Amino acid sequence: MGKHVLLVEDETNIIEAIRFLLSREGWQVDTHSDGATAVDTIRAMRPDLVVLDYMLPGKSGMDILKELRADQEFAKLPILMLTARGQSRDRAEAERAGVSRFMTKPFSNTEVMTAVRDLVQLAQ
């Protein structure tokens, strides 16, 4: 597995923080901020990992997750979902939809890196 991540997030400060963390660990980090075109971007880029925000303009992260999991080519793609909505029903819905890992904002740098490392290891 390579080290290419697509970060689908619309908050600039979170984009910069995660880009810094992952780049420092040797990841190639691409970003995308529009939910409406995120699935097409994921299909075109074919990243090794997607970090996906729950609430995005254009289309929700949950809808993106469901669309990817319905596509056999992306059914096993590691997806880390980030959300400010930490309710247990949101987590349960994401897990039913096939999310690889669910993390609430705010999160620590250590939490993000541990999740990324775990997801990569599981995918190999």
N, C-alpha and C. Protein backbone atom coordinates (compact mmCIF):
# COMPACT_ATOMS: atom_id res chain seq x y z
N MET A 1 0.84 -1.18 0.00
CA MET A 1 0.00 0.00 0.00
C MET A 1 0.88 1.24 0.00
N GLY A 2 0.51 2.21 -0.81
CA GLY A 2 1.26 3.46 -0.87
C GLY A 2 0.93 4.37 0.30
N LYS A 3 1.32 5.60 0.17
CA LYS A 3 1.06 6.57 1.23
C LYS A 3 0.43 7.82 0.62
N HIS A 4 -0.72 7.62 -0.03
CA HIS A 4 -1.44 8.73 -0.65
C HIS A 4 -2.80 8.85 0.04
N VAL A 5 -3.05 10.00 0.64
CA VAL A 5 -4.31 10.24 1.32
C VAL A 5 -5.04 11.39 0.65
N LEU A 6 -6.35 11.23 0.54
CA LEU A 6 -7.21 12.33 0.10
C LEU A 6 -8.00 12.78 1.31
N LEU A 7 -7.84 14.03 1.66
CA LEU A 7 -8.53 14.64 2.79
C LEU A 7 -9.72 15.42 2.23
N VAL A 8 -10.92 14.97 2.53
CA VAL A 8 -12.14 15.63 2.07
C VAL A 8 -12.70 16.39 3.27
N GLU A 9 -12.41 17.67 3.31
CA GLU A 9 -12.69 18.53 4.48
C GLU A 9 -12.85 19.95 3.99
N ASP A 10 -13.74 20.72 4.62
CA ASP A 10 -13.95 22.10 4.20
C ASP A 10 -13.47 23.13 5.21
N GLU A 11 -12.94 22.72 6.35
CA GLU A 11 -12.43 23.67 7.34
C GLU A 11 -10.92 23.82 7.17
N THR A 12 -10.51 25.03 6.81
CA THR A 12 -9.11 25.31 6.49
C THR A 12 -8.15 24.93 7.60
N ASN A 13 -8.50 25.25 8.85
CA ASN A 13 -7.57 24.94 9.95
C ASN A 13 -7.38 23.43 10.12
N ILE A 14 -8.42 22.66 9.90
CA ILE A 14 -8.30 21.20 10.00
C ILE A 14 -7.50 20.65 8.82
N ILE A 15 -7.74 21.21 7.63
CA ILE A 15 -6.97 20.80 6.45
C ILE A 15 -5.48 21.00 6.71
N GLU A 16 -5.12 22.18 7.17
CA GLU A 16 -3.70 22.49 7.39
C GLU A 16 -3.09 21.61 8.47
N ALA A 17 -3.84 21.38 9.56
CA ALA A 17 -3.30 20.56 10.65
C ALA A 17 -3.06 19.12 10.19
N ILE A 18 -4.04 18.53 9.51
CA ILE A 18 -3.90 17.15 9.08
C ILE A 18 -2.86 17.03 7.97
N ARG A 19 -2.84 18.00 7.06
CA ARG A 19 -1.82 17.98 6.00
C ARG A 19 -0.42 18.00 6.62
N PHE A 20 -0.20 18.86 7.60
CA PHE A 20 1.10 18.95 8.26
C PHE A 20 1.47 17.62 8.92
N LEU A 21 0.53 17.06 9.70
CA LEU A 21 0.79 15.80 10.40
C LEU A 21 1.16 14.68 9.45
N LEU A 22 0.35 14.49 8.42
CA LEU A 22 0.56 13.37 7.51
C LEU A 22 1.78 13.59 6.62
N SER A 23 2.00 14.80 6.17
CA SER A 23 3.17 15.10 5.33
C SER A 23 4.46 14.80 6.09
N ARG A 24 4.46 15.16 7.36
CA ARG A 24 5.62 14.91 8.21
C ARG A 24 5.92 13.42 8.32
N GLU A 25 4.90 12.59 8.18
CA GLU A 25 5.05 11.14 8.24
C GLU A 25 5.29 10.52 6.86
N GLY A 26 5.46 11.36 5.84
CA GLY A 26 5.78 10.84 4.51
C GLY A 26 4.59 10.61 3.60
N TRP A 27 3.42 11.04 3.99
CA TRP A 27 2.23 10.88 3.16
C TRP A 27 2.15 11.97 2.10
N GLN A 28 1.68 11.60 0.92
CA GLN A 28 1.29 12.59 -0.09
C GLN A 28 -0.15 12.94 0.25
N VAL A 29 -0.43 14.21 0.52
CA VAL A 29 -1.75 14.63 0.96
C VAL A 29 -2.39 15.53 -0.10
N ASP A 30 -3.52 15.08 -0.64
CA ASP A 30 -4.33 15.91 -1.53
C ASP A 30 -5.58 16.27 -0.76
N THR A 31 -6.17 17.42 -1.10
CA THR A 31 -7.36 17.86 -0.40
C THR A 31 -8.47 18.17 -1.38
N HIS A 32 -9.69 18.06 -0.88
CA HIS A 32 -10.88 18.35 -1.66
C HIS A 32 -11.93 18.87 -0.68
N SER A 33 -12.67 19.91 -1.06
CA SER A 33 -13.58 20.54 -0.10
C SER A 33 -15.05 20.49 -0.49
N ASP A 34 -15.39 19.93 -1.63
CA ASP A 34 -16.77 19.95 -2.11
C ASP A 34 -17.36 18.54 -2.09
N GLY A 35 -18.36 18.35 -1.26
CA GLY A 35 -18.99 17.04 -1.16
C GLY A 35 -19.61 16.57 -2.47
N ALA A 36 -20.15 17.50 -3.26
CA ALA A 36 -20.84 17.15 -4.49
C ALA A 36 -19.93 16.44 -5.50
N THR A 37 -18.65 16.77 -5.49
CA THR A 37 -17.72 16.19 -6.46
C THR A 37 -16.69 15.26 -5.82
N ALA A 38 -16.85 14.98 -4.54
CA ALA A 38 -15.86 14.18 -3.82
C ALA A 38 -15.73 12.75 -4.36
N VAL A 39 -16.83 12.10 -4.66
CA VAL A 39 -16.76 10.71 -5.13
C VAL A 39 -16.01 10.64 -6.45
N ASP A 40 -16.29 11.57 -7.36
CA ASP A 40 -15.57 11.59 -8.64
C ASP A 40 -14.08 11.81 -8.41
N THR A 41 -13.74 12.68 -7.48
CA THR A 41 -12.33 12.95 -7.17
C THR A 41 -11.66 11.71 -6.59
N ILE A 42 -12.34 11.02 -5.69
CA ILE A 42 -11.79 9.79 -5.10
C ILE A 42 -11.57 8.75 -6.18
N ARG A 43 -12.55 8.60 -7.07
CA ARG A 43 -12.41 7.62 -8.15
C ARG A 43 -11.24 7.97 -9.06
N ALA A 44 -11.05 9.24 -9.34
CA ALA A 44 -9.96 9.67 -10.23
C ALA A 44 -8.60 9.54 -9.56
N MET A 45 -8.50 9.90 -8.29
CA MET A 45 -7.20 9.91 -7.60
C MET A 45 -6.80 8.54 -7.07
N ARG A 46 -7.78 7.70 -6.73
CA ARG A 46 -7.52 6.38 -6.19
C ARG A 46 -6.54 6.40 -5.00
N PRO A 47 -6.87 7.17 -3.96
CA PRO A 47 -5.95 7.24 -2.81
C PRO A 47 -5.92 5.93 -2.04
N ASP A 48 -4.90 5.80 -1.20
CA ASP A 48 -4.76 4.63 -0.35
C ASP A 48 -5.64 4.75 0.90
N LEU A 49 -6.02 5.98 1.23
CA LEU A 49 -6.80 6.27 2.42
C LEU A 49 -7.58 7.55 2.17
N VAL A 50 -8.81 7.61 2.68
CA VAL A 50 -9.61 8.84 2.63
C VAL A 50 -9.92 9.28 4.05
N VAL A 51 -9.66 10.54 4.34
CA VAL A 51 -10.09 11.16 5.58
C VAL A 51 -11.28 12.03 5.18
N LEU A 52 -12.45 11.73 5.70
CA LEU A 52 -13.70 12.28 5.22
C LEU A 52 -14.46 13.00 6.32
N ASP A 53 -14.78 14.25 6.09
CA ASP A 53 -15.60 15.02 7.02
C ASP A 53 -17.06 14.57 6.89
N TYR A 54 -17.77 14.57 7.99
CA TYR A 54 -19.18 14.18 8.00
C TYR A 54 -20.05 15.24 7.34
N MET A 55 -19.79 16.52 7.66
CA MET A 55 -20.61 17.62 7.15
C MET A 55 -19.82 18.41 6.11
N LEU A 56 -20.26 18.32 4.87
CA LEU A 56 -19.60 18.99 3.75
C LEU A 56 -20.63 19.74 2.92
N PRO A 57 -20.21 20.79 2.22
CA PRO A 57 -21.13 21.45 1.29
C PRO A 57 -21.37 20.56 0.07
N GLY A 58 -22.59 20.54 -0.42
CA GLY A 58 -22.89 19.80 -1.65
C GLY A 58 -23.41 18.40 -1.43
N LYS A 59 -22.76 17.64 -0.57
CA LYS A 59 -23.17 16.26 -0.26
C LYS A 59 -22.52 15.88 1.06
N SER A 60 -23.25 15.20 1.90
CA SER A 60 -22.69 14.84 3.21
C SER A 60 -21.65 13.73 3.09
N GLY A 61 -20.77 13.70 4.07
CA GLY A 61 -19.79 12.63 4.14
C GLY A 61 -20.45 11.27 4.25
N MET A 62 -21.59 11.23 4.91
CA MET A 62 -22.32 9.96 5.04
C MET A 62 -22.79 9.47 3.68
N ASP A 63 -23.32 10.38 2.85
CA ASP A 63 -23.75 9.99 1.51
C ASP A 63 -22.56 9.55 0.65
N ILE A 64 -21.44 10.24 0.81
CA ILE A 64 -20.22 9.87 0.07
C ILE A 64 -19.77 8.48 0.49
N LEU A 65 -19.76 8.22 1.79
CA LEU A 65 -19.38 6.92 2.32
C LEU A 65 -20.27 5.82 1.75
N LYS A 66 -21.56 6.03 1.78
CA LYS A 66 -22.50 5.02 1.27
C LYS A 66 -22.28 4.76 -0.22
N GLU A 67 -22.04 5.83 -0.98
CA GLU A 67 -21.81 5.67 -2.42
C GLU A 67 -20.53 4.88 -2.69
N LEU A 68 -19.48 5.17 -1.94
CA LEU A 68 -18.22 4.44 -2.12
C LEU A 68 -18.37 2.98 -1.74
N ARG A 69 -19.05 2.69 -0.64
CA ARG A 69 -19.19 1.31 -0.19
C ARG A 69 -20.07 0.49 -1.13
N ALA A 70 -20.95 1.17 -1.88
CA ALA A 70 -21.80 0.46 -2.85
C ALA A 70 -21.04 0.09 -4.11
N ASP A 71 -19.87 0.70 -4.31
CA ASP A 71 -19.03 0.44 -5.48
C ASP A 71 -17.98 -0.61 -5.10
N GLN A 72 -18.02 -1.76 -5.75
CA GLN A 72 -17.12 -2.87 -5.41
C GLN A 72 -15.65 -2.46 -5.40
N GLU A 73 -15.27 -1.54 -6.28
CA GLU A 73 -13.88 -1.10 -6.35
C GLU A 73 -13.42 -0.37 -5.10
N PHE A 74 -14.36 0.26 -4.40
CA PHE A 74 -14.00 1.07 -3.24
C PHE A 74 -14.59 0.53 -1.94
N ALA A 75 -15.12 -0.67 -1.99
CA ALA A 75 -15.76 -1.26 -0.82
C ALA A 75 -14.79 -1.46 0.34
N LYS A 76 -13.51 -1.66 0.05
CA LYS A 76 -12.50 -1.92 1.09
C LYS A 76 -11.56 -0.73 1.33
N LEU A 77 -11.78 0.38 0.63
CA LEU A 77 -10.93 1.57 0.81
C LEU A 77 -11.00 2.04 2.26
N PRO A 78 -9.86 2.19 2.93
CA PRO A 78 -9.88 2.69 4.31
C PRO A 78 -10.41 4.13 4.36
N ILE A 79 -11.44 4.34 5.18
CA ILE A 79 -12.04 5.66 5.32
C ILE A 79 -12.12 6.02 6.79
N LEU A 80 -11.47 7.13 7.14
CA LEU A 80 -11.53 7.69 8.48
C LEU A 80 -12.48 8.87 8.42
N MET A 81 -13.60 8.78 9.14
CA MET A 81 -14.59 9.86 9.13
C MET A 81 -14.39 10.75 10.35
N LEU A 82 -14.34 12.05 10.10
CA LEU A 82 -14.21 13.05 11.15
C LEU A 82 -15.54 13.78 11.28
N THR A 83 -15.92 14.10 12.51
CA THR A 83 -17.16 14.84 12.68
C THR A 83 -17.16 15.66 13.96
N ALA A 84 -17.84 16.78 13.88
CA ALA A 84 -18.09 17.58 15.08
C ALA A 84 -19.35 17.05 15.77
N ARG A 85 -20.08 16.19 15.07
CA ARG A 85 -21.30 15.59 15.59
C ARG A 85 -20.93 14.28 16.26
N GLY A 86 -20.76 14.30 17.55
CA GLY A 86 -20.27 13.12 18.25
C GLY A 86 -21.35 12.21 18.81
N GLN A 87 -22.61 12.43 18.41
CA GLN A 87 -23.69 11.61 18.96
C GLN A 87 -23.51 10.15 18.58
N SER A 88 -23.95 9.29 19.47
CA SER A 88 -23.78 7.86 19.22
C SER A 88 -24.57 7.40 18.01
N ARG A 89 -25.69 8.05 17.69
CA ARG A 89 -26.46 7.62 16.52
C ARG A 89 -25.70 7.92 15.23
N ASP A 90 -24.91 9.02 15.20
CA ASP A 90 -24.09 9.32 14.02
C ASP A 90 -23.01 8.27 13.84
N ARG A 91 -22.38 7.90 14.94
CA ARG A 91 -21.35 6.86 14.90
C ARG A 91 -21.97 5.53 14.43
N ALA A 92 -23.12 5.19 14.97
CA ALA A 92 -23.78 3.93 14.60
C ALA A 92 -24.15 3.94 13.12
N GLU A 93 -24.65 5.07 12.61
CA GLU A 93 -25.01 5.15 11.19
C GLU A 93 -23.77 4.98 10.32
N ALA A 94 -22.67 5.62 10.70
CA ALA A 94 -21.42 5.52 9.95
C ALA A 94 -20.90 4.08 9.96
N GLU A 95 -20.99 3.42 11.10
CA GLU A 95 -20.52 2.04 11.19
C GLU A 95 -21.38 1.11 10.34
N ARG A 96 -22.70 1.33 10.33
CA ARG A 96 -23.59 0.53 9.47
C ARG A 96 -23.27 0.75 8.00
N ALA A 97 -22.86 1.97 7.66
CA ALA A 97 -22.54 2.31 6.26
C ALA A 97 -21.17 1.79 5.84
N GLY A 98 -20.36 1.34 6.81
CA GLY A 98 -19.08 0.73 6.47
C GLY A 98 -17.86 1.59 6.69
N VAL A 99 -17.95 2.58 7.57
CA VAL A 99 -16.77 3.41 7.86
C VAL A 99 -15.69 2.55 8.50
N SER A 100 -14.44 2.85 8.20
CA SER A 100 -13.33 2.09 8.78
C SER A 100 -13.04 2.55 10.21
N ARG A 101 -13.13 3.86 10.43
CA ARG A 101 -12.87 4.44 11.76
C ARG A 101 -13.64 5.75 11.83
N PHE A 102 -14.13 6.09 13.01
CA PHE A 102 -14.94 7.29 13.24
C PHE A 102 -14.28 8.08 14.35
N MET A 103 -14.06 9.37 14.13
CA MET A 103 -13.36 10.19 15.12
C MET A 103 -14.07 11.54 15.27
N THR A 104 -14.30 11.95 16.51
CA THR A 104 -14.97 13.23 16.74
C THR A 104 -13.96 14.36 16.88
N LYS A 105 -14.38 15.53 16.41
CA LYS A 105 -13.60 16.75 16.56
C LYS A 105 -14.00 17.36 17.90
N PRO A 106 -13.10 17.98 18.62
CA PRO A 106 -11.67 18.08 18.32
C PRO A 106 -10.97 16.76 18.63
N PHE A 107 -9.87 16.54 17.95
CA PHE A 107 -9.09 15.32 18.13
C PHE A 107 -7.64 15.72 18.34
N SER A 108 -6.88 14.81 18.89
CA SER A 108 -5.46 15.09 19.10
C SER A 108 -4.66 14.59 17.89
N ASN A 109 -3.48 15.15 17.72
CA ASN A 109 -2.58 14.70 16.66
C ASN A 109 -2.29 13.21 16.79
N THR A 110 -2.10 12.77 18.01
CA THR A 110 -1.80 11.36 18.26
C THR A 110 -2.95 10.47 17.82
N GLU A 111 -4.19 10.90 18.10
CA GLU A 111 -5.36 10.11 17.69
C GLU A 111 -5.41 9.94 16.18
N VAL A 112 -5.16 11.03 15.45
CA VAL A 112 -5.21 10.98 13.99
C VAL A 112 -4.13 10.05 13.47
N MET A 113 -2.91 10.20 13.93
CA MET A 113 -1.81 9.38 13.43
C MET A 113 -2.01 7.90 13.79
N THR A 114 -2.50 7.62 14.98
CA THR A 114 -2.77 6.24 15.37
C THR A 114 -3.83 5.63 14.46
N ALA A 115 -4.89 6.38 14.20
CA ALA A 115 -5.96 5.89 13.33
C ALA A 115 -5.44 5.61 11.92
N VAL A 116 -4.65 6.54 11.38
CA VAL A 116 -4.11 6.37 10.02
C VAL A 116 -3.21 5.14 9.97
N ARG A 117 -2.31 5.01 10.94
CA ARG A 117 -1.41 3.85 10.96
C ARG A 117 -2.19 2.55 11.08
N ASP A 118 -3.19 2.52 11.95
CA ASP A 118 -4.01 1.31 12.13
C ASP A 118 -4.74 0.94 10.83
N LEU A 119 -5.32 1.94 10.18
CA LEU A 119 -6.09 1.68 8.96
C LEU A 119 -5.20 1.15 7.84
N VAL A 120 -4.01 1.72 7.73
CA VAL A 120 -3.07 1.27 6.71
C VAL A 120 -2.64 -0.17 6.98
N GLN A 121 -2.35 -0.45 8.24
CA GLN A 121 -1.92 -1.81 8.60
C GLN A 121 -3.03 -2.82 8.34
N LEU A 122 -4.26 -2.48 8.66
CA LEU A 122 -5.38 -3.38 8.44
C LEU A 122 -5.62 -3.62 6.95
N ALA A 123 -5.37 -2.62 6.14
CA ALA A 123 -5.63 -2.73 4.69
C ALA A 123 -4.58 -3.59 3.98
N GLN A 124 -3.44 -3.79 4.62
CA GLN A 124 -2.36 -4.53 3.95
C GLN A 124 -2.54 -6.03 4.06
